[in-house]
Amino acid sequence: MQGVVSRVVEAVGRPCPIPVIEAARALRGLSPGEVLLVRADDPAAEGDLQAFCRATGHRLRGLAWEGAVLSVWVEVVGPGPTRGTA
């Protein structure tokens, strides 16, 4: 695990860009330092979530494939819970 997880987005079976959209929504209610775990199985989610973190300034804490399921840990960085929304 890449930090204590505050919230989980289960996007397995959901095509991109849904994992990124759901991640952005989930991040709205989190405070700086909290960690979101996103689980997805669309191969495009890996690059999309990395790009999302670069674009929003959130910290990519970890990324791991377990079989066909990708887990991505995103740490909230910023002044408040609305940063990084889509």
Protein backbone atom coordinates (compact mmCIF):
# COMPACT_ATOMS: atom_id res chain seq x y z
CA MET A 1 0.00 0.00 0.00
CA GLN A 2 1.21 3.50 -0.82
CA GLY A 3 -0.02 5.41 2.23
CA VAL A 4 -3.17 5.24 4.30
CA VAL A 5 -6.09 5.25 1.88
CA SER A 6 -8.89 7.72 2.62
CA ARG A 7 -11.15 6.76 -0.28
CA VAL A 8 -11.32 4.10 -3.02
CA VAL A 9 -12.62 4.44 -6.57
CA GLU A 10 -13.58 1.05 -8.02
CA ALA A 11 -13.52 1.56 -11.79
CA VAL A 12 -12.93 -2.04 -12.84
CA GLY A 13 -15.04 -2.72 -15.91
CA ARG A 14 -15.41 0.98 -16.69
CA PRO A 15 -13.69 2.31 -19.84
CA CYS A 16 -11.56 5.44 -19.93
CA PRO A 17 -12.06 8.26 -19.29
CA ILE A 18 -14.44 7.11 -16.51
CA PRO A 19 -11.65 6.17 -14.03
CA VAL A 20 -10.15 9.67 -14.31
CA ILE A 21 -13.54 11.36 -14.05
CA GLU A 22 -14.44 9.33 -10.96
CA ALA A 23 -11.02 10.02 -9.44
CA ALA A 24 -11.47 13.76 -9.94
CA ARG A 25 -14.88 13.62 -8.26
CA ALA A 26 -13.54 11.61 -5.34
CA LEU A 27 -10.63 14.01 -4.82
CA ARG A 28 -13.02 16.94 -4.33
CA GLY A 29 -13.84 15.88 -0.79
CA LEU A 30 -10.30 15.04 0.30
CA SER A 31 -7.83 17.29 2.06
CA PRO A 32 -4.11 17.70 1.39
CA GLY A 33 -2.17 14.64 2.47
CA GLU A 34 -5.08 12.24 2.04
CA VAL A 35 -4.68 9.36 -0.41
CA LEU A 36 -7.12 8.12 -3.04
CA LEU A 37 -6.83 4.57 -4.40
CA VAL A 38 -8.13 4.08 -7.94
CA ARG A 39 -8.62 0.53 -9.23
CA ALA A 40 -9.22 0.06 -12.96
CA ASP A 41 -8.69 -2.54 -15.66
CA ASP A 42 -8.67 -0.36 -18.78
CA PRO A 43 -5.03 -0.22 -19.95
CA ALA A 44 -5.47 3.46 -20.90
CA ALA A 45 -6.14 4.32 -17.25
CA GLU A 46 -2.44 4.07 -16.41
CA GLY A 47 -1.34 6.88 -18.72
CA ASP A 48 -4.52 8.88 -18.15
CA LEU A 49 -4.12 8.90 -14.37
CA GLN A 50 -0.42 9.78 -14.63
CA ALA A 51 -1.30 12.71 -16.91
CA PHE A 52 -4.11 13.75 -14.56
CA CYS A 53 -1.65 13.93 -11.65
CA ARG A 54 0.83 15.99 -13.68
CA ALA A 55 -1.92 18.37 -14.81
CA THR A 56 -3.50 18.87 -11.37
CA GLY A 57 -0.39 18.79 -9.19
CA HIS A 58 -1.54 15.80 -7.15
CA ARG A 59 1.22 13.35 -6.21
CA LEU A 60 1.27 9.89 -7.78
CA ARG A 61 2.27 7.78 -4.76
CA GLY A 62 2.29 4.42 -6.50
CA LEU A 63 1.10 2.36 -9.41
CA ALA A 64 0.84 -1.43 -9.56
CA TRP A 65 -0.71 -4.01 -11.84
CA GLU A 66 -2.07 -7.14 -10.15
CA GLY A 67 -3.08 -9.34 -13.04
CA ALA A 68 -5.46 -7.27 -15.13
CA VAL A 69 -6.26 -4.76 -12.38
CA LEU A 70 -4.34 -1.51 -12.00
CA SER A 71 -4.09 0.16 -8.59
CA VAL A 72 -3.07 3.83 -8.48
CA TRP A 73 -2.48 5.76 -5.25
CA VAL A 74 -2.93 9.54 -5.56
CA GLU A 75 -2.03 11.91 -2.72
CA VAL A 76 -3.95 15.17 -2.58
CA VAL A 77 -1.66 18.19 -2.88
CA GLY A 78 -2.95 21.72 -2.69
CA PRO A 79 -4.74 24.28 -0.62
CA GLY A 80 -8.10 22.56 -0.27
CA PRO A 81 -10.53 19.82 -1.23
CA THR A 82 -11.58 21.40 -4.55
CA ARG A 83 -8.14 21.23 -6.24
CA GLY A 84 -7.90 18.82 -9.16
CA THR A 85 -11.59 18.59 -9.95
CA ALA A 86 -12.88 17.83 -13.40
